[in-house]
Amino acid sequence: ENKIQQLGLPKSFCFAPYTNLDLD
């Protein structure tokens, strides 16, 4: 969480909807 915040991103942030796609 510290790494996330050091990048200026909120603590609740998740990379999944920016970098991942799940095809069912």
mmCIF file of all heavy atoms, coordinates in Angstrom:
data_MODEL
# 
_entry.id   MODEL 
# 
loop_
_atom_site.group_PDB 
_atom_site.id 
_atom_site.type_symbol 
_atom_site.label_atom_id 
_atom_site.label_alt_id 
_atom_site.label_comp_id 
_atom_site.label_asym_id 
_atom_site.label_entity_id 
_atom_site.label_seq_id 
_atom_site.pdbx_PDB_ins_code 
_atom_site.Cartn_x 
_atom_site.Cartn_y 
_atom_site.Cartn_z 
_atom_site.occupancy 
_atom_site.B_iso_or_equiv 
_atom_site.pdbx_formal_charge 
_atom_site.auth_seq_id 
_atom_site.auth_comp_id 
_atom_site.auth_asym_id 
_atom_site.auth_atom_id 
_atom_site.pdbx_PDB_model_num 
ATOM 1   N N   . GLU A 1 1  ? 0.837   -1.202  0.000   1.00 0.00 ? 1  GLU A N   1 
ATOM 2   C CA  . GLU A 1 1  ? 0.000   0.000   0.000   1.00 0.00 ? 1  GLU A CA  1 
ATOM 3   C C   . GLU A 1 1  ? 0.874   1.256   0.000   1.00 0.00 ? 1  GLU A C   1 
ATOM 4   O O   . GLU A 1 1  ? 0.522   2.263   -0.612  1.00 0.00 ? 1  GLU A O   1 
ATOM 5   C CB  . GLU A 1 1  ? -0.940  0.004   1.212   1.00 0.00 ? 1  GLU A CB  1 
ATOM 6   C CG  . GLU A 1 1  ? -1.778  -1.270  1.376   1.00 0.00 ? 1  GLU A CG  1 
ATOM 7   C CD  . GLU A 1 1  ? -2.705  -1.542  0.195   1.00 0.00 ? 1  GLU A CD  1 
ATOM 8   O OE1 . GLU A 1 1  ? -2.869  -0.658  -0.655  1.00 0.00 ? 1  GLU A OE1 1 
ATOM 9   O OE2 . GLU A 1 1  ? -3.248  -2.649  0.115   1.00 0.00 ? 1  GLU A OE2 1 
ATOM 10  N N   . ASN A 1 2  ? 2.031   1.179   0.683   1.00 0.00 ? 2  ASN A N   1 
ATOM 11  C CA  . ASN A 1 2  ? 2.941   2.330   0.693   1.00 0.00 ? 2  ASN A CA  1 
ATOM 12  C C   . ASN A 1 2  ? 3.464   2.621   -0.702  1.00 0.00 ? 2  ASN A C   1 
ATOM 13  O O   . ASN A 1 2  ? 3.570   3.781   -1.105  1.00 0.00 ? 2  ASN A O   1 
ATOM 14  C CB  . ASN A 1 2  ? 4.107   2.075   1.654   1.00 0.00 ? 2  ASN A CB  1 
ATOM 15  C CG  . ASN A 1 2  ? 3.679   2.123   3.116   1.00 0.00 ? 2  ASN A CG  1 
ATOM 16  O OD1 . ASN A 1 2  ? 2.659   2.718   3.439   1.00 0.00 ? 2  ASN A OD1 1 
ATOM 17  N ND2 . ASN A 1 2  ? 4.448   1.492   3.985   1.00 0.00 ? 2  ASN A ND2 1 
ATOM 18  N N   . LYS A 1 3  ? 3.801   1.568   -1.459  1.00 0.00 ? 3  LYS A N   1 
ATOM 19  C CA  . LYS A 1 3  ? 4.279   1.763   -2.831  1.00 0.00 ? 3  LYS A CA  1 
ATOM 20  C C   . LYS A 1 3  ? 3.218   2.440   -3.682  1.00 0.00 ? 3  LYS A C   1 
ATOM 21  O O   . LYS A 1 3  ? 3.509   3.328   -4.484  1.00 0.00 ? 3  LYS A O   1 
ATOM 22  C CB  . LYS A 1 3  ? 4.650   0.416   -3.461  1.00 0.00 ? 3  LYS A CB  1 
ATOM 23  C CG  . LYS A 1 3  ? 5.991   -0.144  -3.048  1.00 0.00 ? 3  LYS A CG  1 
ATOM 24  C CD  . LYS A 1 3  ? 6.300   -1.385  -3.885  1.00 0.00 ? 3  LYS A CD  1 
ATOM 25  C CE  . LYS A 1 3  ? 7.643   -1.976  -3.529  1.00 0.00 ? 3  LYS A CE  1 
ATOM 26  N NZ  . LYS A 1 3  ? 7.950   -3.174  -4.357  1.00 0.00 ? 3  LYS A NZ  1 
ATOM 27  N N   . ILE A 1 4  ? 1.974   1.994   -3.514  1.00 0.00 ? 4  ILE A N   1 
ATOM 28  C CA  . ILE A 1 4  ? 0.871   2.581   -4.265  1.00 0.00 ? 4  ILE A CA  1 
ATOM 29  C C   . ILE A 1 4  ? 0.750   4.067   -3.969  1.00 0.00 ? 4  ILE A C   1 
ATOM 30  O O   . ILE A 1 4  ? 0.641   4.910   -4.876  1.00 0.00 ? 4  ILE A O   1 
ATOM 31  C CB  . ILE A 1 4  ? -0.456  1.853   -3.928  1.00 0.00 ? 4  ILE A CB  1 
ATOM 32  C CG1 . ILE A 1 4  ? -0.458  0.423   -4.487  1.00 0.00 ? 4  ILE A CG1 1 
ATOM 33  C CG2 . ILE A 1 4  ? -1.670  2.629   -4.441  1.00 0.00 ? 4  ILE A CG2 1 
ATOM 34  C CD1 . ILE A 1 4  ? -0.537  0.334   -5.984  1.00 0.00 ? 4  ILE A CD1 1 
ATOM 35  N N   . GLN A 1 5  ? 0.789   4.412   -2.683  1.00 0.00 ? 5  GLN A N   1 
ATOM 36  C CA  . GLN A 1 5  ? 0.635   5.814   -2.297  1.00 0.00 ? 5  GLN A CA  1 
ATOM 37  C C   . GLN A 1 5  ? 1.845   6.659   -2.680  1.00 0.00 ? 5  GLN A C   1 
ATOM 38  O O   . GLN A 1 5  ? 1.710   7.850   -2.997  1.00 0.00 ? 5  GLN A O   1 
ATOM 39  C CB  . GLN A 1 5  ? 0.341   5.897   -0.798  1.00 0.00 ? 5  GLN A CB  1 
ATOM 40  C CG  . GLN A 1 5  ? -1.044  5.317   -0.452  1.00 0.00 ? 5  GLN A CG  1 
ATOM 41  C CD  . GLN A 1 5  ? -1.332  5.294   1.029   1.00 0.00 ? 5  GLN A CD  1 
ATOM 42  O OE1 . GLN A 1 5  ? -0.798  4.467   1.758   1.00 0.00 ? 5  GLN A OE1 1 
ATOM 43  N NE2 . GLN A 1 5  ? -2.149  6.211   1.474   1.00 0.00 ? 5  GLN A NE2 1 
ATOM 44  N N   . GLN A 1 6  ? 3.033   6.062   -2.679  1.00 0.00 ? 6  GLN A N   1 
ATOM 45  C CA  . GLN A 1 6  ? 4.225   6.791   -3.111  1.00 0.00 ? 6  GLN A CA  1 
ATOM 46  C C   . GLN A 1 6  ? 4.131   7.202   -4.576  1.00 0.00 ? 6  GLN A C   1 
ATOM 47  O O   . GLN A 1 6  ? 4.719   8.206   -4.993  1.00 0.00 ? 6  GLN A O   1 
ATOM 48  C CB  . GLN A 1 6  ? 5.468   5.934   -2.879  1.00 0.00 ? 6  GLN A CB  1 
ATOM 49  C CG  . GLN A 1 6  ? 5.878   5.816   -1.419  1.00 0.00 ? 6  GLN A CG  1 
ATOM 50  C CD  . GLN A 1 6  ? 6.939   4.751   -1.194  1.00 0.00 ? 6  GLN A CD  1 
ATOM 51  O OE1 . GLN A 1 6  ? 7.514   4.203   -2.141  1.00 0.00 ? 6  GLN A OE1 1 
ATOM 52  N NE2 . GLN A 1 6  ? 7.230   4.457   0.071   1.00 0.00 ? 6  GLN A NE2 1 
ATOM 53  N N   . LEU A 1 7  ? 3.383   6.423   -5.360  1.00 0.00 ? 7  LEU A N   1 
ATOM 54  C CA  . LEU A 1 7  ? 3.174   6.765   -6.765  1.00 0.00 ? 7  LEU A CA  1 
ATOM 55  C C   . LEU A 1 7  ? 2.086   7.815   -6.951  1.00 0.00 ? 7  LEU A C   1 
ATOM 56  O O   . LEU A 1 7  ? 1.786   8.215   -8.084  1.00 0.00 ? 7  LEU A O   1 
ATOM 57  C CB  . LEU A 1 7  ? 2.812   5.510   -7.561  1.00 0.00 ? 7  LEU A CB  1 
ATOM 58  C CG  . LEU A 1 7  ? 3.927   4.489   -7.769  1.00 0.00 ? 7  LEU A CG  1 
ATOM 59  C CD1 . LEU A 1 7  ? 3.359   3.189   -8.332  1.00 0.00 ? 7  LEU A CD1 1 
ATOM 60  C CD2 . LEU A 1 7  ? 4.996   5.040   -8.717  1.00 0.00 ? 7  LEU A CD2 1 
ATOM 61  N N   . GLY A 1 8  ? 1.484   8.255   -5.853  1.00 0.00 ? 8  GLY A N   1 
ATOM 62  C CA  . GLY A 1 8  ? 0.423   9.253   -5.938  1.00 0.00 ? 8  GLY A CA  1 
ATOM 63  C C   . GLY A 1 8  ? -0.937  8.659   -6.252  1.00 0.00 ? 8  GLY A C   1 
ATOM 64  O O   . GLY A 1 8  ? -1.857  9.370   -6.669  1.00 0.00 ? 8  GLY A O   1 
ATOM 65  N N   . LEU A 1 9  ? -1.075  7.338   -6.040  1.00 0.00 ? 9  LEU A N   1 
ATOM 66  C CA  . LEU A 1 9  ? -2.346  6.667   -6.273  1.00 0.00 ? 9  LEU A CA  1 
ATOM 67  C C   . LEU A 1 9  ? -3.055  6.454   -4.942  1.00 0.00 ? 9  LEU A C   1 
ATOM 68  O O   . LEU A 1 9  ? -2.407  6.323   -3.904  1.00 0.00 ? 9  LEU A O   1 
ATOM 69  C CB  . LEU A 1 9  ? -2.103  5.303   -6.947  1.00 0.00 ? 9  LEU A CB  1 
ATOM 70  C CG  . LEU A 1 9  ? -1.417  5.351   -8.314  1.00 0.00 ? 9  LEU A CG  1 
ATOM 71  C CD1 . LEU A 1 9  ? -0.976  3.956   -8.746  1.00 0.00 ? 9  LEU A CD1 1 
ATOM 72  C CD2 . LEU A 1 9  ? -2.346  5.959   -9.363  1.00 0.00 ? 9  LEU A CD2 1 
ATOM 73  N N   . PRO A 1 10 ? -4.385  6.430   -4.940  1.00 0.00 ? 10 PRO A N   1 
ATOM 74  C CA  . PRO A 1 10 ? -5.105  6.235   -3.673  1.00 0.00 ? 10 PRO A CA  1 
ATOM 75  C C   . PRO A 1 10 ? -4.870  4.846   -3.093  1.00 0.00 ? 10 PRO A C   1 
ATOM 76  O O   . PRO A 1 10 ? -4.595  3.884   -3.816  1.00 0.00 ? 10 PRO A O   1 
ATOM 77  C CB  . PRO A 1 10 ? -6.573  6.440   -4.063  1.00 0.00 ? 10 PRO A CB  1 
ATOM 78  C CG  . PRO A 1 10 ? -6.627  6.217   -5.526  1.00 0.00 ? 10 PRO A CG  1 
ATOM 79  C CD  . PRO A 1 10 ? -5.296  6.627   -6.079  1.00 0.00 ? 10 PRO A CD  1 
ATOM 80  N N   . LYS A 1 11 ? -4.995  4.732   -1.781  1.00 0.00 ? 11 LYS A N   1 
ATOM 81  C CA  . LYS A 1 11 ? -4.750  3.477   -1.071  1.00 0.00 ? 11 LYS A CA  1 
ATOM 82  C C   . LYS A 1 11 ? -5.649  2.354   -1.584  1.00 0.00 ? 11 LYS A C   1 
ATOM 83  O O   . LYS A 1 11 ? -5.266  1.187   -1.605  1.00 0.00 ? 11 LYS A O   1 
ATOM 84  C CB  . LYS A 1 11 ? -4.971  3.686   0.423   1.00 0.00 ? 11 LYS A CB  1 
ATOM 85  C CG  . LYS A 1 11 ? -4.663  2.480   1.282   1.00 0.00 ? 11 LYS A CG  1 
ATOM 86  C CD  . LYS A 1 11 ? -4.879  2.790   2.760   1.00 0.00 ? 11 LYS A CD  1 
ATOM 87  C CE  . LYS A 1 11 ? -4.575  1.565   3.614   1.00 0.00 ? 11 LYS A CE  1 
ATOM 88  N NZ  . LYS A 1 11 ? -4.798  1.857   5.069   1.00 0.00 ? 11 LYS A NZ  1 
ATOM 89  N N   . SER A 1 12 ? -6.862  2.689   -2.018  1.00 0.00 ? 12 SER A N   1 
ATOM 90  C CA  . SER A 1 12 ? -7.844  1.695   -2.478  1.00 0.00 ? 12 SER A CA  1 
ATOM 91  C C   . SER A 1 12 ? -7.652  1.288   -3.930  1.00 0.00 ? 12 SER A C   1 
ATOM 92  O O   . SER A 1 12 ? -8.415  0.489   -4.464  1.00 0.00 ? 12 SER A O   1 
ATOM 93  C CB  . SER A 1 12 ? -9.256  2.263   -2.305  1.00 0.00 ? 12 SER A CB  1 
ATOM 94  O OG  . SER A 1 12 ? -9.387  3.500   -3.019  1.00 0.00 ? 12 SER A OG  1 
ATOM 95  N N   . PHE A 1 13 ? -6.617  1.803   -4.569  1.00 0.00 ? 13 PHE A N   1 
ATOM 96  C CA  . PHE A 1 13 ? -6.425  1.607   -6.009  1.00 0.00 ? 13 PHE A CA  1 
ATOM 97  C C   . PHE A 1 13 ? -6.167  0.141   -6.360  1.00 0.00 ? 13 PHE A C   1 
ATOM 98  O O   . PHE A 1 13 ? -5.563  -0.614  -5.592  1.00 0.00 ? 13 PHE A O   1 
ATOM 99  C CB  . PHE A 1 13 ? -5.245  2.459   -6.482  1.00 0.00 ? 13 PHE A CB  1 
ATOM 100 C CG  . PHE A 1 13 ? -4.994  2.390   -7.958  1.00 0.00 ? 13 PHE A CG  1 
ATOM 101 C CD1 . PHE A 1 13 ? -5.756  3.115   -8.848  1.00 0.00 ? 13 PHE A CD1 1 
ATOM 102 C CD2 . PHE A 1 13 ? -3.975  1.580   -8.461  1.00 0.00 ? 13 PHE A CD2 1 
ATOM 103 C CE1 . PHE A 1 13 ? -5.527  3.045   -10.212 1.00 0.00 ? 13 PHE A CE1 1 
ATOM 104 C CE2 . PHE A 1 13 ? -3.737  1.505   -9.820  1.00 0.00 ? 13 PHE A CE2 1 
ATOM 105 C CZ  . PHE A 1 13 ? -4.518  2.248   -10.693 1.00 0.00 ? 13 PHE A CZ  1 
ATOM 106 N N   . CYS A 1 14 ? -6.616  -0.243  -7.555  1.00 0.00 ? 14 CYS A N   1 
ATOM 107 C CA  . CYS A 1 14 ? -6.341  -1.578  -8.092  1.00 0.00 ? 14 CYS A CA  1 
ATOM 108 C C   . CYS A 1 14 ? -5.973  -1.443  -9.565  1.00 0.00 ? 14 CYS A C   1 
ATOM 109 O O   . CYS A 1 14 ? -6.662  -0.772  -10.335 1.00 0.00 ? 14 CYS A O   1 
ATOM 110 C CB  . CYS A 1 14 ? -7.572  -2.477  -7.939  1.00 0.00 ? 14 CYS A CB  1 
ATOM 111 S SG  . CYS A 1 14 ? -7.353  -4.143  -8.616  1.00 0.00 ? 14 CYS A SG  1 
ATOM 112 N N   . PHE A 1 15 ? -4.884  -2.101  -9.962  1.00 0.00 ? 15 PHE A N   1 
ATOM 113 C CA  . PHE A 1 15 ? -4.437  -2.042  -11.352 1.00 0.00 ? 15 PHE A CA  1 
ATOM 114 C C   . PHE A 1 15 ? -5.273  -2.910  -12.291 1.00 0.00 ? 15 PHE A C   1 
ATOM 115 O O   . PHE A 1 15 ? -5.204  -2.739  -13.510 1.00 0.00 ? 15 PHE A O   1 
ATOM 116 C CB  . PHE A 1 15 ? -2.967  -2.481  -11.455 1.00 0.00 ? 15 PHE A CB  1 
ATOM 117 C CG  . PHE A 1 15 ? -1.974  -1.399  -11.175 1.00 0.00 ? 15 PHE A CG  1 
ATOM 118 C CD1 . PHE A 1 15 ? -1.212  -1.420  -10.012 1.00 0.00 ? 15 PHE A CD1 1 
ATOM 119 C CD2 . PHE A 1 15 ? -1.783  -0.358  -12.073 1.00 0.00 ? 15 PHE A CD2 1 
ATOM 120 C CE1 . PHE A 1 15 ? -0.289  -0.425  -9.754  1.00 0.00 ? 15 PHE A CE1 1 
ATOM 121 C CE2 . PHE A 1 15 ? -0.853  0.642   -11.821 1.00 0.00 ? 15 PHE A CE2 1 
ATOM 122 C CZ  . PHE A 1 15 ? -0.105  0.615   -10.658 1.00 0.00 ? 15 PHE A CZ  1 
ATOM 123 N N   . ALA A 1 16 ? -6.042  -3.857  -11.744 1.00 0.00 ? 16 ALA A N   1 
ATOM 124 C CA  . ALA A 1 16 ? -6.723  -4.834  -12.598 1.00 0.00 ? 16 ALA A CA  1 
ATOM 125 C C   . ALA A 1 16 ? -7.564  -4.208  -13.713 1.00 0.00 ? 16 ALA A C   1 
ATOM 126 O O   . ALA A 1 16 ? -7.447  -4.614  -14.874 1.00 0.00 ? 16 ALA A O   1 
ATOM 127 C CB  . ALA A 1 16 ? -7.565  -5.788  -11.758 1.00 0.00 ? 16 ALA A CB  1 
ATOM 128 N N   . PRO A 1 17 ? -8.436  -3.211  -13.443 1.00 0.00 ? 17 PRO A N   1 
ATOM 129 C CA  . PRO A 1 17 ? -9.260  -2.682  -14.540 1.00 0.00 ? 17 PRO A CA  1 
ATOM 130 C C   . PRO A 1 17 ? -8.503  -1.798  -15.534 1.00 0.00 ? 17 PRO A C   1 
ATOM 131 O O   . PRO A 1 17 ? -9.106  -1.285  -16.481 1.00 0.00 ? 17 PRO A O   1 
ATOM 132 C CB  . PRO A 1 17 ? -10.350 -1.884  -13.816 1.00 0.00 ? 17 PRO A CB  1 
ATOM 133 C CG  . PRO A 1 17 ? -9.807  -1.583  -12.482 1.00 0.00 ? 17 PRO A CG  1 
ATOM 134 C CD  . PRO A 1 17 ? -8.856  -2.692  -12.137 1.00 0.00 ? 17 PRO A CD  1 
ATOM 135 N N   . TYR A 1 18 ? -7.195  -1.643  -15.338 1.00 0.00 ? 18 TYR A N   1 
ATOM 136 C CA  . TYR A 1 18 ? -6.355  -0.900  -16.274 1.00 0.00 ? 18 TYR A CA  1 
ATOM 137 C C   . TYR A 1 18 ? -5.401  -1.813  -17.048 1.00 0.00 ? 18 TYR A C   1 
ATOM 138 O O   . TYR A 1 18 ? -4.930  -1.440  -18.122 1.00 0.00 ? 18 TYR A O   1 
ATOM 139 C CB  . TYR A 1 18 ? -5.516  0.146   -15.535 1.00 0.00 ? 18 TYR A CB  1 
ATOM 140 C CG  . TYR A 1 18 ? -6.326  1.179   -14.802 1.00 0.00 ? 18 TYR A CG  1 
ATOM 141 C CD1 . TYR A 1 18 ? -6.718  0.960   -13.480 1.00 0.00 ? 18 TYR A CD1 1 
ATOM 142 C CD2 . TYR A 1 18 ? -6.710  2.372   -15.414 1.00 0.00 ? 18 TYR A CD2 1 
ATOM 143 C CE1 . TYR A 1 18 ? -7.469  1.895   -12.794 1.00 0.00 ? 18 TYR A CE1 1 
ATOM 144 C CE2 . TYR A 1 18 ? -7.456  3.321   -14.731 1.00 0.00 ? 18 TYR A CE2 1 
ATOM 145 C CZ  . TYR A 1 18 ? -7.840  3.082   -13.426 1.00 0.00 ? 18 TYR A CZ  1 
ATOM 146 O OH  . TYR A 1 18 ? -8.589  4.003   -12.748 1.00 0.00 ? 18 TYR A OH  1 
ATOM 147 N N   . THR A 1 19 ? -5.104  -2.979  -16.491 1.00 0.00 ? 19 THR A N   1 
ATOM 148 C CA  . THR A 1 19 ? -4.055  -3.814  -17.087 1.00 0.00 ? 19 THR A CA  1 
ATOM 149 C C   . THR A 1 19 ? -4.480  -5.254  -17.334 1.00 0.00 ? 19 THR A C   1 
ATOM 150 O O   . THR A 1 19 ? -3.709  -6.043  -17.872 1.00 0.00 ? 19 THR A O   1 
ATOM 151 C CB  . THR A 1 19 ? -2.811  -3.854  -16.168 1.00 0.00 ? 19 THR A CB  1 
ATOM 152 O OG1 . THR A 1 19 ? -3.151  -4.511  -14.938 1.00 0.00 ? 19 THR A OG1 1 
ATOM 153 C CG2 . THR A 1 19 ? -2.290  -2.458  -15.868 1.00 0.00 ? 19 THR A CG2 1 
ATOM 154 N N   . ASN A 1 20 ? -5.685  -5.618  -16.940 1.00 0.00 ? 20 ASN A N   1 
ATOM 155 C CA  . ASN A 1 20 ? -6.100  -7.020  -17.005 1.00 0.00 ? 20 ASN A CA  1 
ATOM 156 C C   . ASN A 1 20 ? -7.468  -7.132  -17.666 1.00 0.00 ? 20 ASN A C   1 
ATOM 157 O O   . ASN A 1 20 ? -8.302  -6.224  -17.612 1.00 0.00 ? 20 ASN A O   1 
ATOM 158 C CB  . ASN A 1 20 ? -6.171  -7.616  -15.596 1.00 0.00 ? 20 ASN A CB  1 
ATOM 159 C CG  . ASN A 1 20 ? -6.485  -9.098  -15.616 1.00 0.00 ? 20 ASN A CG  1 
ATOM 160 O OD1 . ASN A 1 20 ? -5.613  -9.922  -15.900 1.00 0.00 ? 20 ASN A OD1 1 
ATOM 161 N ND2 . ASN A 1 20 ? -7.725  -9.456  -15.325 1.00 0.00 ? 20 ASN A ND2 1 
ATOM 162 N N   . LEU A 1 21 ? -7.704  -8.279  -18.286 1.00 0.00 ? 21 LEU A N   1 
ATOM 163 C CA  . LEU A 1 21 ? -9.003  -8.565  -18.886 1.00 0.00 ? 21 LEU A CA  1 
ATOM 164 C C   . LEU A 1 21 ? -9.279  -10.043 -18.688 1.00 0.00 ? 21 LEU A C   1 
ATOM 165 O O   . LEU A 1 21 ? -8.432  -10.897 -18.977 1.00 0.00 ? 21 LEU A O   1 
ATOM 166 C CB  . LEU A 1 21 ? -8.984  -8.231  -20.383 1.00 0.00 ? 21 LEU A CB  1 
ATOM 167 C CG  . LEU A 1 21 ? -10.339 -8.069  -21.081 1.00 0.00 ? 21 LEU A CG  1 
ATOM 168 C CD1 . LEU A 1 21 ? -11.201 -7.004  -20.403 1.00 0.00 ? 21 LEU A CD1 1 
ATOM 169 C CD2 . LEU A 1 21 ? -10.114 -7.699  -22.553 1.00 0.00 ? 21 LEU A CD2 1 
ATOM 170 N N   . ASP A 1 22 ? -10.463 -10.342 -18.169 1.00 0.00 ? 22 ASP A N   1 
ATOM 171 C CA  . ASP A 1 22 ? -10.860 -11.721 -17.894 1.00 0.00 ? 22 ASP A CA  1 
ATOM 172 C C   . ASP A 1 22 ? -12.024 -12.073 -18.815 1.00 0.00 ? 22 ASP A C   1 
ATOM 173 O O   . ASP A 1 22 ? -13.099 -11.459 -18.737 1.00 0.00 ? 22 ASP A O   1 
ATOM 174 C CB  . ASP A 1 22 ? -11.280 -11.846 -16.429 1.00 0.00 ? 22 ASP A CB  1 
ATOM 175 C CG  . ASP A 1 22 ? -11.489 -13.279 -16.010 1.00 0.00 ? 22 ASP A CG  1 
ATOM 176 O OD1 . ASP A 1 22 ? -12.627 -13.775 -16.143 1.00 0.00 ? 22 ASP A OD1 1 
ATOM 177 O OD2 . ASP A 1 22 ? -10.530 -13.899 -15.543 1.00 0.00 ? 22 ASP A OD2 1 
ATOM 178 N N   . LEU A 1 23 ? -11.807 -13.034 -19.698 1.00 0.00 ? 23 LEU A N   1 
ATOM 179 C CA  . LEU A 1 23 ? -12.804 -13.397 -20.708 1.00 0.00 ? 23 LEU A CA  1 
ATOM 180 C C   . LEU A 1 23 ? -13.412 -14.742 -20.349 1.00 0.00 ? 23 LEU A C   1 
ATOM 181 O O   . LEU A 1 23 ? -12.735 -15.766 -20.357 1.00 0.00 ? 23 LEU A O   1 
ATOM 182 C CB  . LEU A 1 23 ? -12.152 -13.466 -22.089 1.00 0.00 ? 23 LEU A CB  1 
ATOM 183 C CG  . LEU A 1 23 ? -11.341 -12.233 -22.514 1.00 0.00 ? 23 LEU A CG  1 
ATOM 184 C CD1 . LEU A 1 23 ? -10.720 -12.444 -23.889 1.00 0.00 ? 23 LEU A CD1 1 
ATOM 185 C CD2 . LEU A 1 23 ? -12.200 -10.977 -22.507 1.00 0.00 ? 23 LEU A CD2 1 
ATOM 186 N N   . ASP A 1 24 ? -14.700 -14.734 -20.028 1.00 0.00 ? 24 ASP A N   1 
ATOM 187 C CA  . ASP A 1 24 ? -15.348 -15.950 -19.542 1.00 0.00 ? 24 ASP A CA  1 
ATOM 188 C C   . ASP A 1 24 ? -15.888 -16.776 -20.693 1.00 0.00 ? 24 ASP A C   1 
ATOM 189 O O   . ASP A 1 24 ? -16.120 -16.275 -21.806 1.00 0.00 ? 24 ASP A O   1 
ATOM 190 C CB  . ASP A 1 24 ? -16.486 -15.584 -18.591 1.00 0.00 ? 24 ASP A CB  1 
ATOM 191 C CG  . ASP A 1 24 ? -16.785 -16.689 -17.600 1.00 0.00 ? 24 ASP A CG  1 
ATOM 192 O OD1 . ASP A 1 24 ? -15.868 -17.465 -17.293 1.00 0.00 ? 24 ASP A OD1 1 
ATOM 193 O OD2 . ASP A 1 24 ? -17.933 -16.778 -17.135 1.00 0.00 ? 24 ASP A OD2 1 
# 
